[in-house]
Amino acid sequence: MQFAYTILYVEDVARSISFYEAAFGLQRRFLHEGGDYGELETGATTLAFSSHQLMAQLGKNPRRASADAPSFEIALTTDDVPAALERAVAAGARQLRAPERMPWGQTIAYVEDGDGVLVELCTPVQPGRDAARPMVFRRLAGMHATPCG
């Protein structure tokens, strides 16, 4: 088995896809002609979007995402977190956390998209430091993204 998709439930699929293209440089795979579903190319997996309306037609009632009380996050790796953060904010993302170097060597920043989804912008984890990550995460368990400024 292989992980293939993450699907975000959003109000406006076309708007969300356009935002992710502008903010993060992801490539559009397609947007269904009805506008209720679309996908972006992310490399090994697909980031997909489905409208709340389509989910309601399928008998689902998804909750609106909230960066203040996230149940998940999307993490995008880059070698230049400050530049990625600047691009995302210029495209309309709300900055939640400025770039910060973590004890395990990774640099991270957080933004929120227009649908409330928490997006981490981060450098790749360095091989050899992975073993230290779980211990560090336990120590930082109480740390949450907080609005900047």
C-alpha atoms as a PDB file:
ATOM      1  CA  MET A   1       0.000   0.000   0.000  1.00  0.00           C
ATOM      2  CA  GLN A   2       1.134   3.554  -0.702  1.00  0.00           C
ATOM      3  CA  PHE A   3      -0.060   6.941   0.533  1.00  0.00           C
ATOM      4  CA  ALA A   4      -1.491   8.804  -2.460  1.00  0.00           C
ATOM      5  CA  TYR A   5      -3.761  11.741  -1.551  1.00  0.00           C
ATOM      6  CA  THR A   6      -4.544  14.375   0.995  1.00  0.00           C
ATOM      7  CA  ILE A   7      -7.915  15.957   0.283  1.00  0.00           C
ATOM      8  CA  LEU A   8      -8.807  19.316   1.808  1.00  0.00           C
ATOM      9  CA  TYR A   9     -12.485  20.245   2.114  1.00  0.00           C
ATOM     10  CA  VAL A  10     -12.873  23.885   1.098  1.00  0.00           C
ATOM     11  CA  GLU A  11     -15.575  26.402   0.218  1.00  0.00           C
ATOM     12  CA  ASP A  12     -14.193  27.322  -3.224  1.00  0.00           C
ATOM     13  CA  VAL A  13     -11.982  24.739  -4.946  1.00  0.00           C
ATOM     14  CA  ALA A  14     -10.838  27.026  -7.790  1.00  0.00           C
ATOM     15  CA  ARG A  15      -9.875  29.771  -5.324  1.00  0.00           C
ATOM     16  CA  SER A  16      -7.957  27.322  -3.129  1.00  0.00           C
ATOM     17  CA  ILE A  17      -6.073  25.822  -6.070  1.00  0.00           C
ATOM     18  CA  SER A  18      -5.155  29.278  -7.363  1.00  0.00           C
ATOM     19  CA  PHE A  19      -3.932  30.247  -3.883  1.00  0.00           C
ATOM     20  CA  TYR A  20      -1.726  27.146  -3.524  1.00  0.00           C
ATOM     21  CA  GLU A  21      -0.289  27.754  -6.994  1.00  0.00           C
ATOM     22  CA  ALA A  22       0.576  31.372  -6.149  1.00  0.00           C
ATOM     23  CA  ALA A  23       1.612  30.872  -2.517  1.00  0.00           C
ATOM     24  CA  PHE A  24       3.621  27.673  -2.801  1.00  0.00           C
ATOM     25  CA  GLY A  25       4.379  27.197  -6.497  1.00  0.00           C
ATOM     26  CA  LEU A  26       2.489  23.903  -6.798  1.00  0.00           C
ATOM     27  CA  GLN A  27       1.418  22.797 -10.282  1.00  0.00           C
ATOM     28  CA  ARG A  28      -2.237  22.259 -11.141  1.00  0.00           C
ATOM     29  CA  ARG A  29      -3.073  18.741 -12.321  1.00  0.00           C
ATOM     30  CA  PHE A  30      -6.681  19.604 -13.094  1.00  0.00           C
ATOM     31  CA  LEU A  31      -9.837  21.324 -11.920  1.00  0.00           C
ATOM     32  CA  HIS A  32     -13.060  19.426 -12.667  1.00  0.00           C
ATOM     33  CA  GLU A  33     -15.374  21.358 -14.989  1.00  0.00           C
ATOM     34  CA  GLY A  34     -18.029  21.492 -12.248  1.00  0.00           C
ATOM     35  CA  GLY A  35     -15.540  23.210  -9.942  1.00  0.00           C
ATOM     36  CA  ASP A  36     -16.127  20.889  -6.980  1.00  0.00           C
ATOM     37  CA  TYR A  37     -12.863  18.930  -7.199  1.00  0.00           C
ATOM     38  CA  GLY A  38      -9.299  19.576  -8.285  1.00  0.00           C
ATOM     39  CA  GLU A  39      -5.738  18.394  -7.726  1.00  0.00           C
ATOM     40  CA  LEU A  40      -2.240  19.827  -7.454  1.00  0.00           C
ATOM     41  CA  GLU A  41       0.989  17.995  -8.198  1.00  0.00           C
ATOM     42  CA  THR A  42       3.258  17.811  -5.159  1.00  0.00           C
ATOM     43  CA  GLY A  43       5.766  15.151  -6.152  1.00  0.00           C
ATOM     44  CA  ALA A  44       5.149  11.674  -4.750  1.00  0.00           C
ATOM     45  CA  THR A  45       1.624  12.459  -3.530  1.00  0.00           C
ATOM     46  CA  THR A  46      -1.322  14.565  -4.626  1.00  0.00           C
ATOM     47  CA  LEU A  47      -2.884  17.484  -2.779  1.00  0.00           C
ATOM     48  CA  ALA A  48      -6.559  17.471  -3.712  1.00  0.00           C
ATOM     49  CA  PHE A  49      -9.449  19.813  -2.926  1.00  0.00           C
ATOM     50  CA  SER A  50     -13.145  18.962  -2.645  1.00  0.00           C
ATOM     51  CA  SER A  51     -15.959  21.422  -2.022  1.00  0.00           C
ATOM     52  CA  HIS A  52     -18.094  21.281   1.101  1.00  0.00           C
ATOM     53  CA  GLN A  53     -21.074  21.167  -1.281  1.00  0.00           C
ATOM     54  CA  LEU A  54     -19.844  17.961  -2.954  1.00  0.00           C
ATOM     55  CA  MET A  55     -19.204  16.337   0.421  1.00  0.00           C
ATOM     56  CA  ALA A  56     -22.750  17.252   1.528  1.00  0.00           C
ATOM     57  CA  GLN A  57     -24.091  15.541  -1.620  1.00  0.00           C
ATOM     58  CA  LEU A  58     -22.136  12.433  -0.558  1.00  0.00           C
ATOM     59  CA  GLY A  59     -23.680  12.510   2.915  1.00  0.00           C
ATOM     60  CA  LYS A  60     -20.592  13.971   4.626  1.00  0.00           C
ATOM     61  CA  ASN A  61     -20.438  17.038   6.851  1.00  0.00           C
ATOM     62  CA  PRO A  62     -16.798  18.158   7.030  1.00  0.00           C
ATOM     63  CA  ARG A  63     -15.791  20.712   9.623  1.00  0.00           C
ATOM     64  CA  ARG A  64     -14.087  23.918   8.636  1.00  0.00           C
ATOM     65  CA  ALA A  65     -10.338  23.786   9.249  1.00  0.00           C
ATOM     66  CA  SER A  66      -8.940  25.994  11.992  1.00  0.00           C
ATOM     67  CA  ALA A  67      -5.276  26.862  12.483  1.00  0.00           C
ATOM     68  CA  ASP A  68      -6.146  27.785  16.091  1.00  0.00           C
ATOM     69  CA  ALA A  69      -7.263  24.210  16.818  1.00  0.00           C
ATOM     70  CA  PRO A  70      -5.714  22.078  14.061  1.00  0.00           C
ATOM     71  CA  SER A  71      -6.348  18.373  13.703  1.00  0.00           C
ATOM     72  CA  PHE A  72      -3.695  18.179  10.969  1.00  0.00           C
ATOM     73  CA  GLU A  73      -1.255  20.317   9.034  1.00  0.00           C
ATOM     74  CA  ILE A  74       0.292  20.316   5.599  1.00  0.00           C
ATOM     75  CA  ALA A  75       4.090  20.523   5.596  1.00  0.00           C
ATOM     76  CA  LEU A  76       5.964  21.774   2.532  1.00  0.00           C
ATOM     77  CA  THR A  77       9.753  21.520   2.449  1.00  0.00           C
ATOM     78  CA  THR A  78      12.036  24.168   1.001  1.00  0.00           C
ATOM     79  CA  ASP A  79      15.662  25.198   1.344  1.00  0.00           C
ATOM     80  CA  ASP A  80      14.616  28.845   1.896  1.00  0.00           C
ATOM     81  CA  VAL A  81      11.876  29.121   4.522  1.00  0.00           C
ATOM     82  CA  PRO A  82      11.996  32.955   4.806  1.00  0.00           C
ATOM     83  CA  ALA A  83      11.516  33.359   1.031  1.00  0.00           C
ATOM     84  CA  ALA A  84       8.726  30.758   1.008  1.00  0.00           C
ATOM     85  CA  LEU A  85       7.019  32.559   3.881  1.00  0.00           C
ATOM     86  CA  GLU A  86       7.272  35.902   2.092  1.00  0.00           C
ATOM     87  CA  ARG A  87       5.762  34.406  -1.079  1.00  0.00           C
ATOM     88  CA  ALA A  88       2.920  32.766   0.845  1.00  0.00           C
ATOM     89  CA  VAL A  89       2.036  35.962   2.719  1.00  0.00           C
ATOM     90  CA  ALA A  90       2.182  37.985  -0.523  1.00  0.00           C
ATOM     91  CA  ALA A  91      -0.332  35.506  -1.999  1.00  0.00           C
ATOM     92  CA  GLY A  92      -2.718  36.006   0.936  1.00  0.00           C
ATOM     93  CA  ALA A  93      -1.632  33.540   3.625  1.00  0.00           C
ATOM     94  CA  ARG A  94      -1.799  34.692   7.234  1.00  0.00           C
ATOM     95  CA  GLN A  95       1.559  34.363   9.004  1.00  0.00           C
ATOM     96  CA  LEU A  96       1.261  32.494  12.291  1.00  0.00           C
ATOM     97  CA  ARG A  97       4.914  31.911  13.162  1.00  0.00           C
ATOM     98  CA  ALA A  98       8.092  33.518  11.866  1.00  0.00           C
ATOM     99  CA  PRO A  99      10.948  31.275  10.685  1.00  0.00           C
ATOM    100  CA  GLU A 100      12.705  29.625  13.608  1.00  0.00           C
ATOM    101  CA  ARG A 101      15.529  27.105  13.783  1.00  0.00           C
ATOM    102  CA  MET A 102      14.476  24.120  15.886  1.00  0.00           C
ATOM    103  CA  PRO A 103      16.757  22.138  18.260  1.00  0.00           C
ATOM    104  CA  TRP A 104      16.981  19.255  15.754  1.00  0.00           C
ATOM    105  CA  GLY A 105      18.314  21.601  13.040  1.00  0.00           C
ATOM    106  CA  GLN A 106      15.188  22.141  10.960  1.00  0.00           C
ATOM    107  CA  THR A 107      13.911  25.659  10.208  1.00  0.00           C
ATOM    108  CA  ILE A 108      10.124  26.039  10.378  1.00  0.00           C
ATOM    109  CA  ALA A 109       7.459  28.711   9.872  1.00  0.00           C
ATOM    110  CA  TYR A 110       3.655  28.497   9.887  1.00  0.00           C
ATOM    111  CA  VAL A 111       0.921  30.126   7.828  1.00  0.00           C
ATOM    112  CA  GLU A 112      -2.833  29.703   7.542  1.00  0.00           C
ATOM    113  CA  ASP A 113      -4.553  29.482   4.172  1.00  0.00           C
ATOM    114  CA  GLY A 114      -7.899  31.141   3.375  1.00  0.00           C
ATOM    115  CA  ASP A 115      -9.826  28.068   4.536  1.00  0.00           C
ATOM    116  CA  GLY A 116      -8.105  27.884   7.937  1.00  0.00           C
ATOM    117  CA  VAL A 117      -5.685  25.085   7.024  1.00  0.00           C
ATOM    118  CA  LEU A 118      -2.395  25.143   8.962  1.00  0.00           C
ATOM    119  CA  VAL A 119       0.600  24.989   6.595  1.00  0.00           C
ATOM    120  CA  GLU A 120       4.138  24.397   7.848  1.00  0.00           C
ATOM    121  CA  LEU A 121       6.976  25.686   5.682  1.00  0.00           C
ATOM    122  CA  CYS A 122      10.147  23.864   6.662  1.00  0.00           C
ATOM    123  CA  THR A 123      13.586  22.750   5.618  1.00  0.00           C
ATOM    124  CA  PRO A 124      13.998  19.006   5.110  1.00  0.00           C
ATOM    125  CA  VAL A 125      14.910  17.024   8.219  1.00  0.00           C
ATOM    126  CA  GLN A 126      18.620  16.242   8.188  1.00  0.00           C
ATOM    127  CA  PRO A 127      19.455  12.504   8.119  1.00  0.00           C
ATOM    128  CA  GLY A 128      21.093  11.399  11.340  1.00  0.00           C
ATOM    129  CA  ARG A 129      19.085  13.865  13.422  1.00  0.00           C
ATOM    130  CA  ASP A 130      15.805  11.986  13.021  1.00  0.00           C
ATOM    131  CA  ALA A 131      16.476   9.904  16.133  1.00  0.00           C
ATOM    132  CA  ALA A 132      16.442  13.075  18.257  1.00  0.00           C
ATOM    133  CA  ARG A 133      13.136  14.345  16.856  1.00  0.00           C
ATOM    134  CA  PRO A 134      10.685  12.271  18.945  1.00  0.00           C
ATOM    135  CA  MET A 135      12.386  13.303  22.204  1.00  0.00           C
ATOM    136  CA  VAL A 136      12.346  16.947  21.149  1.00  0.00           C
ATOM    137  CA  PHE A 137       8.680  16.719  20.127  1.00  0.00           C
ATOM    138  CA  ARG A 138       7.788  15.339  23.559  1.00  0.00           C
ATOM    139  CA  ARG A 139       9.601  18.260  25.215  1.00  0.00           C
ATOM    140  CA  LEU A 140       7.847  20.748  22.931  1.00  0.00           C
ATOM    141  CA  ALA A 141       4.414  19.122  23.172  1.00  0.00           C
ATOM    142  CA  GLY A 142       2.933  22.257  24.691  1.00  0.00           C
ATOM    143  CA  MET A 143       4.270  24.573  21.964  1.00  0.00           C
ATOM    144  CA  HIS A 144       1.610  25.770  19.505  1.00  0.00           C
ATOM    145  CA  ALA A 145       1.674  28.133  16.555  1.00  0.00           C
ATOM    146  CA  THR A 146       0.707  31.600  17.725  1.00  0.00           C
ATOM    147  CA  PRO A 147      -0.082  34.680  15.673  1.00  0.00           C
ATOM    148  CA  CYS A 148       2.886  36.922  14.949  1.00  0.00           C
ATOM    149  CA  GLY A 149       2.974  40.624  15.688  1.00  0.00           C
END
